[in-house]
N, C-alpha and C. Protein backbone atom coordinates (compact mmCIF):
# COMPACT_ATOMS: atom_id res chain seq x y z
N MET A 1 69.92 96.67 120.68
CA MET A 1 70.28 96.11 119.39
C MET A 1 70.56 94.62 119.57
N ASP A 2 70.02 93.84 118.67
CA ASP A 2 70.18 92.39 118.71
C ASP A 2 70.96 91.96 117.47
N ILE A 3 72.10 91.31 117.67
CA ILE A 3 72.96 90.91 116.56
C ILE A 3 73.16 89.41 116.59
N LYS A 4 73.08 88.81 115.40
CA LYS A 4 73.32 87.38 115.27
C LYS A 4 74.36 87.16 114.18
N VAL A 5 75.29 86.25 114.45
CA VAL A 5 76.24 85.78 113.44
C VAL A 5 75.79 84.38 113.07
N LEU A 6 75.48 84.18 111.79
CA LEU A 6 74.99 82.90 111.32
C LEU A 6 76.10 82.15 110.61
N GLY A 7 76.28 80.89 110.97
CA GLY A 7 77.29 80.08 110.30
C GLY A 7 77.51 78.77 111.01
N ALA A 8 78.40 77.97 110.42
CA ALA A 8 78.66 76.63 110.92
C ALA A 8 79.63 76.59 112.09
N GLY A 9 80.17 77.73 112.45
CA GLY A 9 81.15 77.77 113.53
C GLY A 9 82.57 77.71 113.00
N CYS A 10 82.75 77.97 111.73
CA CYS A 10 84.07 77.93 111.09
C CYS A 10 84.90 79.16 111.48
N ALA A 11 86.12 79.19 111.02
CA ALA A 11 87.02 80.30 111.32
C ALA A 11 86.45 81.64 110.84
N ASN A 12 85.85 81.66 109.65
CA ASN A 12 85.27 82.91 109.15
C ASN A 12 84.11 83.38 110.02
N CYS A 13 83.34 82.45 110.53
CA CYS A 13 82.23 82.81 111.41
C CYS A 13 82.74 83.46 112.69
N HIS A 14 83.78 82.88 113.25
CA HIS A 14 84.35 83.44 114.48
C HIS A 14 85.03 84.78 114.20
N THR A 15 85.64 84.92 113.03
CA THR A 15 86.24 86.20 112.66
C THR A 15 85.17 87.28 112.55
N LEU A 16 84.04 86.94 111.94
CA LEU A 16 82.94 87.90 111.83
C LEU A 16 82.42 88.28 113.21
N GLU A 17 82.30 87.32 114.10
CA GLU A 17 81.85 87.62 115.46
C GLU A 17 82.85 88.54 116.16
N ASP A 18 84.13 88.23 116.05
CA ASP A 18 85.16 89.06 116.70
C ASP A 18 85.17 90.47 116.13
N ARG A 19 85.06 90.60 114.81
CA ARG A 19 85.05 91.93 114.19
C ARG A 19 83.80 92.71 114.57
N THR A 20 82.69 92.01 114.71
CA THR A 20 81.45 92.67 115.12
C THR A 20 81.58 93.21 116.54
N ARG A 21 82.14 92.42 117.42
CA ARG A 21 82.36 92.88 118.80
C ARG A 21 83.34 94.06 118.83
N ALA A 22 84.37 94.03 117.98
CA ALA A 22 85.32 95.14 117.90
C ALA A 22 84.63 96.40 117.39
N ALA A 23 83.77 96.27 116.39
CA ALA A 23 83.05 97.42 115.85
C ALA A 23 82.12 98.02 116.90
N LEU A 24 81.46 97.17 117.67
CA LEU A 24 80.60 97.66 118.76
C LEU A 24 81.43 98.44 119.78
N ALA A 25 82.57 97.89 120.16
CA ALA A 25 83.43 98.54 121.15
C ALA A 25 83.94 99.87 120.62
N ASP A 26 84.38 99.89 119.35
CA ASP A 26 84.89 101.13 118.75
C ASP A 26 83.83 102.22 118.72
N ALA A 27 82.58 101.81 118.48
CA ALA A 27 81.47 102.77 118.38
C ALA A 27 80.87 103.10 119.74
N GLY A 28 81.30 102.39 120.78
CA GLY A 28 80.73 102.62 122.10
C GLY A 28 79.30 102.14 122.22
N LEU A 29 78.94 101.16 121.42
CA LEU A 29 77.58 100.64 121.44
C LEU A 29 77.53 99.34 122.23
N GLU A 30 76.37 99.07 122.79
CA GLU A 30 76.15 97.81 123.48
C GLU A 30 75.07 97.04 122.74
N ALA A 31 75.28 95.74 122.62
CA ALA A 31 74.31 94.89 121.94
C ALA A 31 74.56 93.46 122.36
N SER A 32 73.53 92.65 122.22
CA SER A 32 73.73 91.22 122.43
C SER A 32 74.22 90.64 121.10
N VAL A 33 75.25 89.81 121.18
CA VAL A 33 75.80 89.16 120.00
C VAL A 33 75.70 87.66 120.22
N GLU A 34 75.04 86.99 119.30
CA GLU A 34 74.79 85.56 119.43
C GLU A 34 75.26 84.83 118.18
N MET A 35 75.95 83.72 118.36
CA MET A 35 76.37 82.87 117.24
C MET A 35 75.29 81.81 117.04
N ILE A 36 74.76 81.73 115.82
CA ILE A 36 73.73 80.76 115.49
C ILE A 36 74.33 79.73 114.53
N THR A 37 74.33 78.46 114.93
CA THR A 37 74.90 77.41 114.08
C THR A 37 73.85 76.42 113.59
N ASP A 38 72.62 76.58 114.01
CA ASP A 38 71.54 75.67 113.62
C ASP A 38 71.13 75.97 112.18
N TYR A 39 71.33 74.98 111.29
CA TYR A 39 71.05 75.20 109.87
C TYR A 39 69.58 75.54 109.60
N GLY A 40 68.68 75.02 110.39
CA GLY A 40 67.27 75.34 110.22
C GLY A 40 66.99 76.81 110.49
N VAL A 41 67.60 77.33 111.53
CA VAL A 41 67.44 78.75 111.86
C VAL A 41 68.08 79.62 110.79
N ILE A 42 69.28 79.21 110.35
CA ILE A 42 69.99 79.97 109.31
C ILE A 42 69.15 80.02 108.03
N ALA A 43 68.61 78.88 107.64
CA ALA A 43 67.76 78.82 106.44
C ALA A 43 66.52 79.69 106.60
N GLY A 44 66.02 79.80 107.83
CA GLY A 44 64.86 80.63 108.09
C GLY A 44 65.09 82.10 107.78
N TYR A 45 66.35 82.51 107.81
CA TYR A 45 66.70 83.89 107.44
C TYR A 45 66.91 84.02 105.93
N GLY A 46 66.81 82.92 105.20
CA GLY A 46 67.02 82.95 103.76
C GLY A 46 68.48 83.01 103.37
N VAL A 47 69.36 82.69 104.30
CA VAL A 47 70.80 82.75 104.06
C VAL A 47 71.27 81.45 103.43
N MET A 48 71.94 81.56 102.28
CA MET A 48 72.48 80.39 101.61
C MET A 48 74.00 80.33 101.73
N ASN A 49 74.63 81.48 101.96
CA ASN A 49 76.09 81.55 102.10
C ASN A 49 76.44 82.15 103.45
N THR A 50 77.25 81.42 104.20
CA THR A 50 77.67 81.91 105.50
C THR A 50 79.14 82.29 105.43
N PRO A 51 79.62 83.09 106.36
CA PRO A 51 78.89 83.63 107.49
C PRO A 51 77.95 84.75 107.07
N ALA A 52 77.01 85.03 107.94
CA ALA A 52 76.07 86.11 107.70
C ALA A 52 75.91 86.91 108.99
N LEU A 53 75.61 88.18 108.82
CA LEU A 53 75.41 89.07 109.96
C LEU A 53 73.98 89.58 109.93
N VAL A 54 73.30 89.42 111.05
CA VAL A 54 71.90 89.86 111.19
C VAL A 54 71.86 90.93 112.27
N ILE A 55 71.32 92.08 111.93
CA ILE A 55 71.16 93.17 112.89
C ILE A 55 69.67 93.44 113.03
N ASP A 56 69.16 93.30 114.24
CA ASP A 56 67.73 93.50 114.53
C ASP A 56 66.86 92.75 113.52
N GLU A 57 67.18 91.48 113.33
CA GLU A 57 66.42 90.55 112.48
C GLU A 57 66.50 90.84 110.99
N LYS A 58 67.43 91.69 110.55
CA LYS A 58 67.62 91.97 109.13
C LYS A 58 69.01 91.48 108.72
N VAL A 59 69.07 90.65 107.69
CA VAL A 59 70.36 90.17 107.17
C VAL A 59 71.03 91.32 106.43
N VAL A 60 72.23 91.71 106.91
CA VAL A 60 72.94 92.84 106.31
C VAL A 60 74.20 92.42 105.56
N ILE A 61 74.73 91.24 105.86
CA ILE A 61 75.92 90.71 105.19
C ILE A 61 75.73 89.21 105.06
N SER A 62 76.11 88.66 103.92
CA SER A 62 76.04 87.21 103.74
C SER A 62 77.16 86.77 102.82
N GLY A 63 77.85 85.70 103.22
CA GLY A 63 78.85 85.08 102.37
C GLY A 63 80.23 85.71 102.38
N ARG A 64 80.47 86.64 103.29
CA ARG A 64 81.79 87.26 103.36
C ARG A 64 82.02 87.82 104.76
N VAL A 65 83.28 88.18 105.02
CA VAL A 65 83.65 88.74 106.31
C VAL A 65 84.16 90.17 106.06
N PRO A 66 83.33 91.17 106.33
CA PRO A 66 83.76 92.55 106.11
C PRO A 66 84.75 93.01 107.18
N GLU A 67 85.44 94.09 106.88
CA GLU A 67 86.36 94.68 107.84
C GLU A 67 85.55 95.43 108.92
N VAL A 68 86.21 95.72 110.03
CA VAL A 68 85.56 96.38 111.17
C VAL A 68 84.87 97.70 110.79
N PRO A 69 85.51 98.59 109.98
CA PRO A 69 84.82 99.86 109.65
C PRO A 69 83.50 99.66 108.91
N GLU A 70 83.43 98.66 108.04
CA GLU A 70 82.16 98.40 107.33
C GLU A 70 81.10 97.92 108.30
N ILE A 71 81.49 97.06 109.22
CA ILE A 71 80.53 96.58 110.22
C ILE A 71 80.06 97.74 111.09
N ALA A 72 80.98 98.61 111.49
CA ALA A 72 80.63 99.78 112.30
C ALA A 72 79.62 100.65 111.57
N SER A 73 79.81 100.82 110.27
CA SER A 73 78.88 101.61 109.47
C SER A 73 77.49 100.98 109.45
N LEU A 74 77.44 99.66 109.33
CA LEU A 74 76.16 98.96 109.34
C LEU A 74 75.48 99.08 110.70
N LEU A 75 76.26 99.04 111.76
CA LEU A 75 75.72 99.15 113.11
C LEU A 75 75.12 100.54 113.34
N SER A 76 75.81 101.56 112.87
CA SER A 76 75.32 102.92 113.09
C SER A 76 74.11 103.21 112.21
N ALA A 77 74.02 102.56 111.06
CA ALA A 77 72.87 102.75 110.18
C ALA A 77 71.63 102.02 110.70
N GLY A 78 71.88 100.95 111.48
CA GLY A 78 70.78 100.13 111.99
C GLY A 78 70.09 100.79 113.09
C-alpha cells in the first residue's frame, strides 16, 4: 500500500500524517507514508484543499483531518 499526505507542511498536514500512521499501526498494516509538499504534484492529483490523503494513487480525503477510526476504515477498504 502506498500512502501520500498532500499539503504545505502545516500543522493539519502533520496531524493527518500522524493519524494515518496510528491507523496503520492499529490495523496492523504496513505501508509507505510520504508527505508531499510540492504544489505541482498536489495539483496533479486535482486537490484544491489540503491536507489530502491519497491511498494507492486515489484521493480519499481532501480539505480536512479525519479521526483515526475513519482513516482506518479507508485503509481497510483500499
